Amino acid sequence: MKVRDLKDWPPQPSAFGKSYVVPTAEEAIVERVVNVHGKRITFIGTAKEIKHTYHFEAPNEEVALDLRRILELNVGNSVLSVGDAELSVD
């Protein structure tokens, strides 16, 4: 299964105020993984020099840990491109 096949992938970034413009998954670049707690994963993406927080809930903890590995391997790539990665677990 590919990451893009996960329900609700790619996640939307958190919003910060009225003038906030939500970047597309193609614009946002994976910067780092912040935390994995159970099946929830939080990571930072950057678009137009603005940091955005992403929260994603995986189907289970095993998928969350695999997604963490994938995100860490894709630092510097777009959030959209992460969807092409193959999960090693279902």
Protein backbone atom coordinates (compact mmCIF):
# COMPACT_ATOMS: atom_id res chain seq x y z
CA MET A 1 0.00 0.00 0.00
CA LYS A 2 1.24 3.49 -0.78
CA VAL A 3 1.07 6.37 1.69
CA ARG A 4 -1.40 8.20 -0.61
CA ASP A 5 -3.82 5.27 -0.13
CA LEU A 6 -4.17 6.07 3.59
CA LYS A 7 -7.46 7.72 4.49
CA ASP A 8 -7.08 11.54 4.70
CA TRP A 9 -3.54 11.65 3.23
CA PRO A 10 -2.13 14.25 2.75
CA PRO A 11 -3.15 16.02 5.93
CA GLN A 12 -3.99 19.72 5.96
CA PRO A 13 -1.70 22.02 7.94
CA SER A 14 -2.89 23.84 11.03
CA ALA A 15 -4.27 27.34 10.39
CA PHE A 16 -2.89 30.47 12.09
CA GLY A 17 -5.15 33.53 11.75
CA LYS A 18 -7.30 35.20 9.14
CA SER A 19 -4.56 35.95 6.60
CA TYR A 20 -3.24 32.43 6.71
CA VAL A 21 -2.93 30.79 3.30
CA VAL A 22 -2.99 27.01 3.29
CA PRO A 23 -0.14 25.66 1.17
CA THR A 24 -0.79 22.81 -1.22
CA ALA A 25 0.82 19.44 -0.52
CA GLU A 26 3.06 20.14 -3.52
CA GLU A 27 4.26 23.47 -2.06
CA ALA A 28 4.92 22.18 1.47
CA ILE A 29 8.34 20.64 2.07
CA VAL A 30 8.82 18.09 4.86
CA GLU A 31 11.17 19.61 7.42
CA ARG A 32 11.05 17.21 10.38
CA VAL A 33 8.96 14.78 12.39
CA VAL A 34 8.00 16.24 15.76
CA ASN A 35 6.30 13.35 17.50
CA VAL A 36 4.61 9.99 17.18
CA HIS A 37 2.16 9.16 19.94
CA GLY A 38 0.24 5.96 19.43
CA LYS A 39 -1.22 6.21 15.95
CA ARG A 40 -0.90 10.02 15.74
CA ILE A 41 2.05 11.61 13.99
CA THR A 42 2.98 15.29 13.97
CA PHE A 43 5.43 16.79 11.51
CA ILE A 44 6.56 20.20 10.28
CA GLY A 45 6.41 21.33 6.68
CA THR A 46 7.67 24.60 5.23
CA ALA A 47 6.11 26.58 2.39
CA LYS A 48 7.27 30.04 1.32
CA GLU A 49 9.54 30.16 4.39
CA ILE A 50 6.59 29.65 6.76
CA LYS A 51 6.50 26.59 9.01
CA HIS A 52 3.27 24.60 9.15
CA THR A 53 2.31 21.86 11.59
CA TYR A 54 0.70 18.71 10.22
CA HIS A 55 -1.19 16.16 12.31
CA PHE A 56 -2.08 12.78 10.88
CA GLU A 57 -3.85 9.83 12.44
CA ALA A 58 -2.73 6.51 10.97
CA PRO A 59 -4.91 3.39 11.08
CA ASN A 60 -2.67 1.93 13.80
CA GLU A 61 0.61 2.48 15.67
CA GLU A 62 2.61 0.24 13.35
CA VAL A 63 1.63 2.32 10.30
CA ALA A 64 2.38 5.53 12.24
CA LEU A 65 5.91 4.32 12.98
CA ASP A 66 6.43 3.31 9.35
CA LEU A 67 5.15 6.69 8.19
CA ARG A 68 7.60 8.36 10.57
CA ARG A 69 10.42 6.43 8.90
CA ILE A 70 9.16 7.47 5.46
CA LEU A 71 8.82 11.13 6.44
CA GLU A 72 12.34 11.16 7.91
CA LEU A 73 13.68 9.70 4.66
CA ASN A 74 11.81 12.39 2.73
CA VAL A 75 12.99 15.50 4.57
CA GLY A 76 13.46 18.12 1.85
CA ASN A 77 10.79 16.62 -0.41
CA SER A 78 7.20 17.77 -0.83
CA VAL A 79 4.40 16.40 1.32
CA LEU A 80 2.72 15.36 -1.94
CA SER A 81 5.71 13.24 -3.01
CA VAL A 82 5.58 11.29 0.28
CA GLY A 83 2.35 9.79 -1.04
CA ASP A 84 4.37 7.81 -3.60
CA ALA A 85 6.29 5.95 -0.88
CA GLU A 86 5.42 2.34 -0.22
CA LEU A 87 4.45 1.40 3.33
CA SER A 88 6.14 -1.74 4.61
CA VAL A 89 3.10 -2.52 6.81
CA ASP A 90 -0.65 -2.48 6.14
